[in-house]
C-alpha atoms as a PDB file:
ATOM      1  CA  MET A   1      95.547 121.039 102.484  1.00  0.00           C
ATOM      2  CA  PRO A   2      98.755 120.895 100.359  1.00  0.00           C
ATOM      3  CA  THR A   3      98.825 120.439  96.749  1.00  0.00           C
ATOM      4  CA  TYR A   4     100.348 117.509  95.387  1.00  0.00           C
ATOM      5  CA  ASP A   5     101.674 117.235  91.084  1.00  0.00           C
ATOM      6  CA  TYR A   6     100.778 114.238  89.498  1.00  0.00           C
ATOM      7  CA  ARG A   7     101.785 113.060  85.769  1.00  0.00           C
ATOM      8  CA  CYS A   8     101.085 110.307  83.726  1.00  0.00           C
ATOM      9  CA  GLU A   9     103.861 107.795  82.344  1.00  0.00           C
ATOM     10  CA  LYS A  10     102.173 107.413  79.266  1.00  0.00           C
ATOM     11  CA  CYS A  11     101.254 110.474  77.696  1.00  0.00           C
ATOM     12  CA  GLY A  12     102.793 113.041  79.994  1.00  0.00           C
ATOM     13  CA  GLN A  13      99.975 114.908  80.853  1.00  0.00           C
ATOM     14  CA  THR A  14     100.197 116.743  84.601  1.00  0.00           C
ATOM     15  CA  PHE A  15      97.728 117.857  87.280  1.00  0.00           C
ATOM     16  CA  GLU A  16      97.784 119.139  90.529  1.00  0.00           C
ATOM     17  CA  GLU A  17      95.486 118.232  92.949  1.00  0.00           C
ATOM     18  CA  SER A  18      94.691 119.332  96.432  1.00  0.00           C
ATOM     19  CA  LEU A  19      94.135 117.008  99.258  1.00  0.00           C
ATOM     20  CA  LYS A  20      94.879 115.808 102.416  1.00  0.00           C
ATOM     21  CA  VAL A  21      98.218 114.556 103.261  1.00  0.00           C
ATOM     22  CA  VAL A  22      96.475 110.651 104.135  1.00  0.00           C
ATOM     23  CA  ASP A  23      94.943 111.174 100.555  1.00  0.00           C
ATOM     24  CA  ARG A  24      97.715 111.880  98.484  1.00  0.00           C
ATOM     25  CA  GLY A  25      97.957 108.538  96.889  1.00  0.00           C
ATOM     26  CA  MET A  26      94.987 108.363  95.514  1.00  0.00           C
ATOM     27  CA  PRO A  27      95.311 109.633  92.074  1.00  0.00           C
ATOM     28  CA  THR A  28      97.830 107.167  91.757  1.00  0.00           C
ATOM     29  CA  GLU A  29      95.719 104.537  92.018  1.00  0.00           C
ATOM     30  CA  SER A  30      93.352 104.965  88.905  1.00  0.00           C
ATOM     31  CA  PRO A  31      94.414 104.912  85.645  1.00  0.00           C
ATOM     32  CA  CYS A  32      95.312 108.549  83.553  1.00  0.00           C
ATOM     33  CA  GLU A  33      91.781 109.687  82.492  1.00  0.00           C
ATOM     34  CA  SER A  34      93.038 112.367  79.810  1.00  0.00           C
ATOM     35  CA  GLN A  35      92.169 112.211  76.385  1.00  0.00           C
ATOM     36  CA  ILE A  36      94.827 111.515  73.838  1.00  0.00           C
ATOM     37  CA  HIS A  37      94.849 114.068  70.715  1.00  0.00           C
ATOM     38  CA  ARG A  38      91.371 115.359  71.828  1.00  0.00           C
ATOM     39  CA  ALA A  39      90.222 112.016  70.622  1.00  0.00           C
ATOM     40  CA  SER A  40      87.178 110.000  72.373  1.00  0.00           C
ATOM     41  CA  SER A  41      89.769 107.243  73.729  1.00  0.00           C
ATOM     42  CA  ILE A  42      91.184 107.920  77.441  1.00  0.00           C
ATOM     43  CA  CYS A  43      94.620 107.582  77.731  1.00  0.00           C
ATOM     44  CA  GLY A  44      94.685 105.235  80.393  1.00  0.00           C
ATOM     45  CA  GLY A  45      98.564 105.439  81.383  1.00  0.00           C
ATOM     46  CA  LYS A  46      99.896 104.891  84.799  1.00  0.00           C
ATOM     47  CA  VAL A  47      99.710 107.907  87.438  1.00  0.00           C
ATOM     48  CA  LYS A  48     102.467 108.577  89.632  1.00  0.00           C
ATOM     49  CA  GLN A  49     103.487 111.252  91.994  1.00  0.00           C
ATOM     50  CA  ILE A  50     106.091 114.311  91.109  1.00  0.00           C
ATOM     51  CA  ILE A  51     108.116 115.278  94.245  1.00  0.00           C
ATOM     52  CA  VAL A  52     108.525 118.709  93.275  1.00  0.00           C
ATOM     53  CA  LYS A  53     111.608 120.745  94.972  1.00  0.00           C
ATOM     54  CA  ALA A  54     110.544 123.432  97.279  1.00  0.00           C
ATOM     55  CA  SER A  55     111.860 126.792  95.652  1.00  0.00           C
ATOM     56  CA  GLY A  56     114.484 128.671  98.133  1.00  0.00           C
ATOM     57  CA  PHE A  57     113.546 130.950 100.675  1.00  0.00           C
ATOM     58  CA  ALA A  58     114.915 132.554 103.699  1.00  0.00           C
ATOM     59  CA  TYR A  59     113.950 134.381 107.018  1.00  0.00           C
ATOM     60  CA  ASP A  60     115.869 137.098 108.398  1.00  0.00           C
ATOM     61  CA  ASN A  61     116.606 137.660 112.081  1.00  0.00           C
ATOM     62  CA  ILE A  62     116.649 133.728 112.496  1.00  0.00           C
ATOM     63  CA  ARG A  63     119.259 132.109 114.969  1.00  0.00           C
ATOM     64  CA  THR A  64     120.124 128.632 115.090  1.00  0.00           C
ATOM     65  CA  ARG A  65     121.965 126.160 117.389  1.00  0.00           C
ATOM     66  CA  HIS A  66     124.849 126.751 114.935  1.00  0.00           C
ATOM     67  CA  SER A  67     124.552 130.339 114.643  1.00  0.00           C
ATOM     68  CA  LYS A  68     126.940 132.467 116.581  1.00  0.00           C
ATOM     69  CA  LYS A  69     126.044 133.043 120.427  1.00  0.00           C
ATOM     70  CA  GLU A  70     123.690 135.947 121.967  1.00  0.00           C
ATOM     71  CA  PRO A  71     125.737 138.194 124.019  1.00  0.00           C
ATOM     72  CA  SER A  72     125.905 138.136 127.359  1.00  0.00           C
ATOM     73  CA  TRP A  73     123.565 140.789 128.086  1.00  0.00           C
ATOM     74  CA  PHE A  74     120.864 139.555 126.139  1.00  0.00           C
ATOM     75  CA  LYS A  75     120.771 136.671 127.986  1.00  0.00           C
ATOM     76  CA  ASP A  76     120.804 138.199 131.395  1.00  0.00           C
ATOM     77  CA  ARG A  77     117.858 140.452 130.050  1.00  0.00           C
ATOM     78  CA  MET A  78     116.060 137.622 128.838  1.00  0.00           C
ATOM     79  CA  LYS A  79     116.057 135.599 132.933  1.00  0.00           C
ATOM     80  CA  ASP A  80     114.960 139.047 133.779  1.00  0.00           C
ATOM     81  CA  ILE A  81     111.326 139.087 131.565  1.00  0.00           C
ATOM     82  CA  LYS A  82     111.005 135.572 132.397  1.00  0.00           C
ATOM     83  CA  LYS A  83     111.338 136.036 136.470  1.00  0.00           C
ATOM     84  CA  ASN A  84     109.501 139.362 136.296  1.00  0.00           C
ATOM     85  CA  HIS A  85     106.570 137.813 134.012  1.00  0.00           C
ATOM     86  CA  PRO A  86     105.710 134.025 135.596  1.00  0.00           C
ATOM     87  CA  GLY A  87     103.826 131.994 133.086  1.00  0.00           C
ATOM     88  CA  ASN A  88     105.059 133.138 130.509  1.00  0.00           C
ATOM     89  CA  THR A  89     106.224 131.190 127.256  1.00  0.00           C
ATOM     90  CA  LEU A  90     109.612 132.897 126.228  1.00  0.00           C
END
């Protein structure tokens, strides 16, 4: 299950929840339940989901449609493999 981040607009308390995609809005439907300054009262502020940018990452050796074309020998080899192995999913 994906993890979602939330923050209270009133007290600034942040927390994360592991929820199903369809349930990601549930924490925003109820008020903040954090205690203010360790007092017995509950904050009650509005909770909003924080959209967190994914950190940068990269894959090596992955070609896209916009990258350089494969050499002709590679295409010929792939055709040969497909022809000699019927039913493959290459």
